[in-house]
Protein backbone atom coordinates (compact mmCIF):
# COMPACT_ATOMS: atom_id res chain seq x y z
CA MET A 1 15.93 16.47 14.45
CA PRO A 2 13.81 17.70 11.44
CA PRO A 3 14.45 15.34 8.55
CA SER A 4 15.47 18.55 6.34
CA LEU A 5 18.33 19.38 8.85
CA ASN A 6 19.26 15.94 9.36
CA ARG A 7 19.79 15.21 5.37
CA ARG A 8 21.65 18.50 5.16
CA GLY A 9 24.20 17.14 7.93
CA LEU A 10 24.65 13.84 5.84
CA GLY A 11 25.36 16.10 2.63
CA LEU A 12 27.92 17.99 4.30
CA GLY A 13 29.46 14.87 5.72
CA MET A 14 29.39 13.35 2.04
CA LEU A 15 30.86 16.34 0.69
CA GLY A 16 34.00 16.41 3.34
CA LEU A 17 34.38 12.57 1.95
CA SER A 18 34.43 13.50 -1.79
CA VAL A 19 37.00 16.30 -1.32
CA ALA A 20 39.27 14.27 0.79
CA GLY A 21 39.06 11.55 -1.95
CA CYS A 22 39.93 14.10 -4.56
CA ALA A 23 43.57 14.31 -2.94
CA GLN A 24 44.49 10.76 -4.24
CA GLN A 25 42.88 9.12 -7.23
CA PRO A 26 42.26 5.20 -6.81
CA GLY A 27 44.29 3.21 -9.38
CA PRO A 28 42.82 1.23 -12.31
CA ALA A 29 42.76 -1.94 -10.12
CA VAL A 30 40.98 -0.36 -7.27
CA ALA A 31 38.44 1.24 -9.41
CA GLN A 32 37.72 -2.17 -11.21
CA ARG A 33 36.92 -3.85 -7.80
CA GLY A 34 34.67 -0.99 -6.97
CA ALA A 35 32.80 -1.03 -10.07
CA ALA A 36 32.39 -4.92 -9.60
CA PHE A 37 30.17 -4.22 -6.66
CA LEU A 38 27.72 -1.87 -8.53
CA PRO A 39 25.14 -3.24 -10.55
CA ASP A 40 23.83 -2.45 -13.97
CA PHE A 41 20.11 -1.93 -14.33
CA ALA A 42 20.01 -1.28 -17.86
CA ASP A 43 18.87 -4.86 -19.04
CA LEU A 44 16.39 -4.73 -16.08
CA ALA A 45 14.70 -1.64 -17.16
CA GLU A 46 14.63 -2.59 -20.85
CA ARG A 47 12.83 -5.83 -19.87
CA VAL A 48 10.25 -4.46 -17.58
CA LEU A 49 9.34 -0.79 -18.77
CA PRO A 50 7.25 -1.99 -21.92
CA ALA A 51 4.64 -3.30 -18.96
CA VAL A 52 4.75 -0.05 -16.84
CA VAL A 53 2.18 2.22 -18.06
CA ASN A 54 1.02 6.22 -17.36
CA ILE A 55 -2.53 6.52 -16.08
CA ALA A 56 -4.31 9.98 -16.65
CA VAL A 57 -7.55 10.32 -15.04
CA THR A 58 -10.39 13.05 -15.31
CA SER A 59 -12.90 13.32 -12.50
CA GLU A 60 -15.65 15.78 -11.77
CA GLN A 61 -15.40 17.81 -8.32
CA SER A 62 -18.41 19.82 -7.10
CA GLY A 63 -18.07 22.43 -4.36
CA GLU A 64 -20.38 23.14 -1.41
CA MET A 65 -23.24 25.41 -2.08
CA PRO A 66 -23.12 28.63 0.13
CA ALA A 67 -26.00 28.75 2.73
CA GLU A 68 -26.86 32.04 1.43
CA LEU A 69 -27.65 30.82 -2.14
CA ARG A 70 -30.18 27.94 -1.14
CA GLY A 71 -33.83 28.64 -1.81
CA THR A 72 -32.75 31.77 -4.20
CA PRO A 73 -33.00 31.93 -8.09
CA TYR A 74 -29.22 31.68 -8.12
CA GLU A 75 -29.13 28.06 -6.91
CA ARG A 76 -30.09 26.48 -10.08
CA LEU A 77 -27.27 28.36 -11.79
CA PHE A 78 -25.10 27.32 -9.15
CA ARG A 79 -25.90 23.54 -9.49
CA ASN A 80 -25.54 23.72 -13.16
CA ARG A 81 -21.83 25.57 -12.98
CA ARG A 82 -20.30 24.05 -9.88
CA ARG A 83 -19.16 20.81 -11.32
CA GLN A 84 -15.62 21.05 -12.76
CA GLU A 85 -13.56 18.68 -14.25
CA VAL A 86 -10.10 17.53 -12.55
CA ALA A 87 -7.32 15.84 -14.02
CA GLY A 88 -5.04 13.87 -12.32
CA ALA A 89 -2.15 11.39 -13.21
CA GLY A 90 -0.37 8.09 -11.88
CA SER A 91 1.32 4.84 -12.80
CA GLY A 92 0.39 1.15 -13.09
CA PHE A 93 1.69 -1.99 -14.53
CA ILE A 94 0.31 -5.08 -16.87
CA VAL A 95 0.08 -7.70 -14.94
CA ASP A 96 -1.86 -9.84 -17.65
CA PRO A 97 -1.43 -10.06 -21.37
CA ALA A 98 -5.05 -9.60 -21.85
CA GLY A 99 -4.90 -6.05 -20.71
CA PHE A 100 -5.24 -6.16 -16.86
CA VAL A 101 -3.36 -3.14 -15.11
CA VAL A 102 -2.80 -2.49 -11.40
CA SER A 103 -2.56 0.57 -9.73
CA ASN A 104 -3.53 2.32 -6.70
CA ASN A 105 -7.15 3.32 -5.78
CA HIS A 106 -6.34 6.88 -4.87
CA VAL A 107 -4.81 7.13 -8.36
CA VAL A 108 -8.29 6.25 -10.10
CA GLY A 109 -10.43 7.39 -7.43
CA ASN A 110 -14.07 8.50 -8.72
CA ALA A 111 -12.57 8.73 -12.13
CA THR A 112 -15.15 9.30 -15.02
CA ARG A 113 -12.43 8.83 -17.55
CA VAL A 114 -9.28 6.74 -17.25
CA VAL A 115 -6.70 6.54 -20.39
CA VAL A 116 -3.80 4.46 -20.09
CA ALA A 117 -0.37 5.29 -22.15
CA LEU A 118 1.96 2.57 -23.00
CA GLN A 119 5.69 3.01 -23.25
CA ASP A 120 5.41 3.61 -27.04
CA GLY A 121 2.91 6.31 -26.97
CA THR A 122 -0.21 4.17 -27.51
CA GLU A 123 -3.28 5.39 -25.48
CA LEU A 124 -5.89 3.31 -24.40
CA PRO A 125 -8.99 3.92 -22.57
CA ALA A 126 -9.43 1.99 -19.66
CA ARG A 127 -12.38 0.43 -17.61
CA ILE A 128 -12.10 0.39 -13.75
CA ILE A 129 -13.00 -3.47 -12.77
CA ALA A 130 -12.90 -2.90 -9.25
CA THR A 131 -11.07 -1.28 -6.18
CA ASP A 132 -9.95 -2.35 -2.56
CA GLU A 133 -9.88 0.50 -0.42
CA ALA A 134 -8.56 -1.31 2.59
CA THR A 135 -5.11 -1.73 0.78
CA ASP A 136 -5.67 0.96 -1.66
CA LEU A 137 -5.33 -1.19 -4.94
CA ALA A 138 -7.10 -1.04 -8.25
CA LEU A 139 -7.65 -2.98 -10.97
CA LEU A 140 -8.28 -1.74 -14.56
CA LYS A 141 -8.76 -3.33 -17.92
CA VAL A 142 -7.71 -2.06 -21.38
CA GLU A 143 -8.53 -3.64 -24.75
CA ASN A 144 -5.99 -4.04 -27.40
CA ARG A 145 -5.68 -6.30 -30.71
CA GLY A 146 -2.84 -8.21 -29.40
CA ALA A 147 -1.34 -9.59 -26.37
CA LEU A 148 0.33 -6.54 -24.12
CA PRO A 149 3.75 -7.31 -22.34
CA ALA A 150 3.14 -8.13 -18.70
CA VAL A 151 5.48 -8.57 -15.89
CA PRO A 152 5.25 -11.44 -13.32
CA TRP A 153 4.63 -11.04 -9.34
CA GLY A 154 7.80 -11.94 -6.95
CA SER A 155 7.72 -12.71 -3.26
CA SER A 156 8.08 -9.65 -1.29
CA ALA A 157 8.44 -11.80 2.02
CA ALA A 158 11.80 -13.08 0.18
CA MET A 159 13.22 -9.47 0.28
CA ARG A 160 16.05 -8.58 2.63
CA VAL A 161 16.73 -5.02 3.96
CA GLY A 162 19.85 -3.84 1.68
CA GLN A 163 18.40 -5.61 -1.36
CA TRP A 164 18.42 -3.63 -4.29
CA VAL A 165 15.12 -2.72 -5.85
CA LEU A 166 13.98 -0.56 -9.01
CA ALA A 167 10.76 1.75 -9.20
CA ALA A 168 9.36 2.60 -12.27
CA GLY A 169 6.54 5.00 -13.16
CA ASN A 170 5.22 8.33 -14.32
CA PRO A 171 6.56 11.07 -11.82
CA PHE A 172 5.34 14.38 -12.42
CA ARG A 173 3.81 13.28 -15.49
CA LEU A 174 7.32 13.06 -17.29
CA GLY A 175 6.38 9.56 -18.72
CA GLY A 176 8.34 6.28 -18.04
CA THR A 177 11.12 6.92 -15.60
CA VAL A 178 13.12 4.62 -13.62
CA THR A 179 14.80 4.96 -10.14
CA VAL A 180 16.93 2.41 -7.92
CA GLY A 181 17.29 2.13 -4.21
CA ILE A 182 17.76 -0.75 -1.71
CA VAL A 183 15.05 -1.94 0.69
CA SER A 184 15.47 0.28 3.81
CA ALA A 185 13.06 -1.46 6.10
CA ARG A 186 10.17 -3.78 6.19
CA GLY A 187 6.63 -4.06 7.90
CA ARG A 188 6.14 -0.53 8.22
CA GLU A 189 3.09 1.26 9.66
CA ILE A 190 2.23 4.30 8.69
CA GLY A 191 -1.33 4.99 9.60
CA VAL A 192 -3.23 4.94 6.60
CA GLY A 193 -5.43 1.65 7.41
CA PRO A 194 -5.80 -1.40 9.01
CA PHE A 195 -3.38 -3.50 6.63
CA ASP A 196 -0.13 -1.42 6.93
CA ASP A 197 2.83 -3.43 6.14
CA PHE A 198 4.63 -1.19 3.77
CA ILE A 199 8.22 -1.84 2.30
CA GLN A 200 10.50 1.19 2.92
CA THR A 201 13.08 2.07 0.40
CA ASP A 202 15.14 4.97 -0.53
CA ALA A 203 14.31 4.55 -4.22
CA ALA A 204 13.19 8.04 -5.52
CA VAL A 205 9.28 8.20 -5.87
CA ASN A 206 7.29 11.44 -6.43
CA PRO A 207 3.99 12.43 -7.13
CA GLY A 208 2.69 10.83 -10.25
CA ASN A 209 4.54 7.43 -9.29
CA SER A 210 1.83 6.16 -7.06
CA GLY A 211 0.55 2.65 -8.55
CA GLY A 212 3.62 2.06 -10.33
CA PRO A 213 5.64 -1.25 -9.55
CA LEU A 214 8.69 -1.91 -7.50
CA PHE A 215 10.81 -4.68 -8.98
CA ASN A 216 13.57 -6.96 -7.55
CA ALA A 217 16.92 -7.62 -9.49
CA ALA A 218 15.01 -10.46 -11.23
CA GLY A 219 12.35 -8.18 -12.88
CA GLU A 220 9.44 -9.49 -10.67
CA VAL A 221 6.94 -6.99 -8.90
CA ILE A 222 7.55 -7.12 -5.04
CA GLY A 223 5.61 -4.09 -4.31
CA ILE A 224 3.21 -1.19 -5.38
CA ASN A 225 4.54 1.93 -4.96
CA THR A 226 2.09 4.04 -2.66
CA ALA A 227 3.34 6.68 -0.49
CA ILE A 228 6.30 8.82 0.36
CA TYR A 229 7.16 10.55 3.51
CA SER A 230 8.12 14.22 2.95
CA PRO A 231 7.80 17.70 4.66
CA THR A 232 7.64 19.26 1.02
CA GLY A 233 5.64 16.93 -0.77
CA ALA A 234 8.33 15.90 -3.01
CA TYR A 235 10.96 12.77 -2.51
CA ALA A 236 12.90 13.20 0.58
CA GLY A 237 14.62 9.82 0.90
CA ILE A 238 11.74 7.59 2.02
CA SER A 239 9.30 5.95 -0.02
CA PHE A 240 6.76 3.16 0.63
CA ALA A 241 5.51 0.26 -1.39
CA THR A 242 2.32 -2.23 -0.58
CA PRO A 243 4.14 -5.76 -0.62
CA SER A 244 3.30 -8.11 -3.30
CA ASP A 245 2.38 -11.04 -0.79
CA ILE A 246 -0.54 -8.59 0.15
CA ALA A 247 -1.44 -7.10 -3.26
CA ARG A 248 -1.49 -10.47 -5.29
CA PRO A 249 -3.88 -12.05 -3.66
CA VAL A 250 -6.29 -9.23 -3.67
CA ILE A 251 -5.76 -8.44 -7.30
CA GLU A 252 -6.63 -12.10 -8.27
CA ALA A 253 -9.83 -11.72 -6.10
CA LEU A 254 -10.54 -8.58 -8.12
CA MET A 255 -9.96 -10.28 -11.47
CA HIS A 256 -12.16 -13.64 -10.73
CA GLY A 257 -14.91 -12.20 -8.62
CA GLY A 258 -14.75 -8.44 -8.19
CA ARG A 259 -14.85 -8.33 -4.70
CA VAL A 260 -12.20 -9.21 -1.81
CA GLU A 261 -13.89 -11.11 1.17
CA ARG A 262 -12.39 -10.66 4.63
CA GLY A 263 -13.28 -12.34 7.91
CA TRP A 264 -14.52 -9.87 10.66
CA LEU A 265 -15.16 -10.33 14.38
CA GLY A 266 -16.70 -7.04 15.52
CA VAL A 267 -14.47 -6.16 18.43
CA SER A 268 -12.38 -3.03 19.22
CA VAL A 269 -8.80 -4.20 20.32
CA ARG A 270 -6.09 -2.62 22.19
CA ASP A 271 -2.31 -3.57 22.20
CA GLN A 272 -1.29 -4.91 25.82
CA ALA A 273 1.91 -2.47 25.77
CA ALA A 274 -0.61 0.51 26.03
CA GLU A 275 -2.13 -0.91 29.12
CA ALA A 276 0.21 -0.23 31.74
CA GLY A 277 -0.25 -2.25 34.70
CA SER A 278 -3.05 -4.48 33.29
CA ALA A 279 -3.81 -7.32 35.17
CA ALA A 280 -4.54 -9.31 31.95
CA GLY A 281 -0.90 -10.28 31.52
CA ALA A 282 2.56 -8.87 30.64
CA PRO A 283 2.89 -6.06 28.45
CA GLY A 284 2.79 -7.49 24.70
CA ARG A 285 1.26 -10.82 25.72
CA GLY A 286 -2.14 -10.89 23.60
CA VAL A 287 -4.43 -8.01 22.79
CA LEU A 288 -7.09 -6.38 25.07
CA VAL A 289 -10.99 -6.35 24.07
CA ALA A 290 -12.15 -2.83 24.46
CA GLY A 291 -15.16 -2.86 22.84
CA VAL A 292 -17.63 -5.52 21.60
CA GLU A 293 -20.08 -4.17 18.68
CA ARG A 294 -23.80 -5.50 19.35
CA GLY A 295 -25.10 -8.27 16.97
CA SER A 296 -21.55 -8.84 15.98
CA PRO A 297 -19.96 -12.50 15.56
CA ALA A 298 -17.84 -11.84 18.68
CA ALA A 299 -21.04 -10.58 20.48
CA ARG A 300 -23.08 -13.94 19.49
CA ALA A 301 -20.02 -16.14 20.62
CA GLY A 302 -19.85 -14.39 23.90
CA LEU A 303 -16.58 -12.27 23.83
CA ARG A 304 -16.56 -9.78 26.39
CA ASN A 305 -15.09 -6.49 27.03
CA GLY A 306 -11.80 -7.05 29.23
CA ASP A 307 -10.93 -10.29 27.58
CA THR A 308 -7.43 -10.65 26.51
CA VAL A 309 -7.15 -12.69 22.81
CA LEU A 310 -3.94 -14.75 23.21
CA ALA A 311 -4.40 -16.64 20.13
CA ILE A 312 -6.52 -17.54 16.98
CA ASN A 313 -6.80 -21.24 15.89
CA GLY A 314 -3.57 -21.94 18.19
CA GLU A 315 -1.59 -19.10 16.23
CA ARG A 316 -0.15 -16.56 19.05
CA VAL A 317 -1.59 -12.80 18.92
CA ASP A 318 0.67 -10.38 20.14
CA SER A 319 -0.51 -7.21 18.43
CA SER A 320 -3.79 -5.62 17.16
CA ARG A 321 -1.99 -5.77 13.85
CA ILE A 322 -1.75 -9.56 13.90
CA LEU A 323 -5.07 -10.03 15.18
CA VAL A 324 -6.62 -7.80 12.13
CA ARG A 325 -4.68 -9.74 9.69
CA ALA A 326 -5.47 -13.39 11.17
CA VAL A 327 -9.25 -12.74 11.25
CA ALA A 328 -9.24 -10.66 7.89
CA ALA A 329 -7.70 -14.09 6.08
CA VAL A 330 -10.59 -16.26 7.24
CA GLN A 331 -13.50 -16.54 4.91
CA PRO A 332 -16.55 -15.23 6.12
CA GLY A 333 -18.76 -18.10 7.51
CA GLN A 334 -15.81 -20.22 8.86
CA THR A 335 -15.66 -20.78 12.50
CA VAL A 336 -12.31 -20.13 14.35
CA ARG A 337 -11.09 -21.19 17.87
CA VAL A 338 -10.11 -17.98 19.92
CA THR A 339 -8.06 -18.26 22.93
CA VAL A 340 -8.71 -15.62 25.62
CA LEU A 341 -7.69 -14.65 29.23
CA ARG A 342 -10.48 -14.09 31.41
CA GLU A 343 -10.33 -13.32 35.02
CA GLY A 344 -7.08 -14.89 34.99
CA ARG A 345 -7.94 -18.22 33.36
CA PRO A 346 -7.31 -19.00 29.66
CA GLN A 347 -10.35 -20.57 27.85
CA GLU A 348 -11.39 -21.05 23.96
CA ILE A 349 -14.40 -19.76 22.77
CA ALA A 350 -15.64 -20.36 19.14
CA VAL A 351 -16.33 -17.59 16.49
CA GLN A 352 -18.11 -17.96 13.27
CA VAL A 353 -16.39 -15.09 11.09
CA GLY A 354 -18.64 -12.63 9.86
CA ARG A 355 -17.84 -10.59 6.59
CA ARG A 356 -15.64 -7.37 6.88
CA PRO A 357 -17.87 -4.25 6.53
CA ALA A 358 -16.54 -2.00 3.62
CA THR A 359 -14.21 0.60 4.34
CA SER A 360 -13.71 4.17 3.42
CA GLY A 361 -9.96 4.09 3.68
CA THR A 362 -9.95 4.54 7.64
CA ALA A 363 -9.35 1.59 10.02
CA ARG A 364 -12.61 0.01 11.59
CA PRO A 365 -12.83 -2.27 14.67
CA GLU A 366 -11.79 -5.68 13.92
């Protein structure tokens, strides 16, 4: 059933319950018991909002030159006029009092100018320190006379489905806005990259919220609001945040070195569940090597097409996503033990991990 129809059905059901409830108002004792289960987010919002920022970006966009203008006197005129400034907006949060700001890579993009606005209206020019396209994260830096309010990281792994979360940001360029919801699901894959592992929430997130923080009840950042699912482009009840356990080490690496180093084998893999009747093993048991890049670490170590990877350093591998993350977590230059099933027999192969090539936001072979 389409999401819009499903949502309409739920709305009618809720309306019916509401009307039925009007027939008999609950007594004071019942109302007090109900209120006891509803949290008050006022103190939390007051505490964290000073560290949430609005981000305004300006970038240049150039159009494609029509083929009929090439080589004509109009070519120079087109080249001089085709560049135009494009304005955009997003959100972010201050993670260090020295002025380090976290946002999404897709917010700043190829910006030629970035301005960060604090909750008190102060506008500060920002410098893009570094970005990581694989996780869609960006680190900015602003200069201020004094220390800026910052918010701490929390553990996304500690969050449970059903727990309260608060999202803050700059939806539709309205400025500091907070919305609340719960963790709807964890470990969501939405097809945007090799490190998909999103927190799904029902906190209202709209265009302009990208890069803003998702807080737990303690005021710790447990996610960065990144995407929404919507047939209309606006909030439809489902939003996604990059978990802090993925974002924090990336941001810390960008702060200290400006680059994230990830391990790489150089193989294309497929989940066994997609290989019906495979002789390599039961579905879900290991991942099938579908291709080995020439000259890659895997090729030099002797991995072959048709091998089934069962484990990395003794840790079981049941999906291509697990394999990608396990290898990416290894520092380039280190050697790992890859357990494979080949011709029905398990064997271990030592592979010296290489450096993962830069991505353009799309998945690459592991």
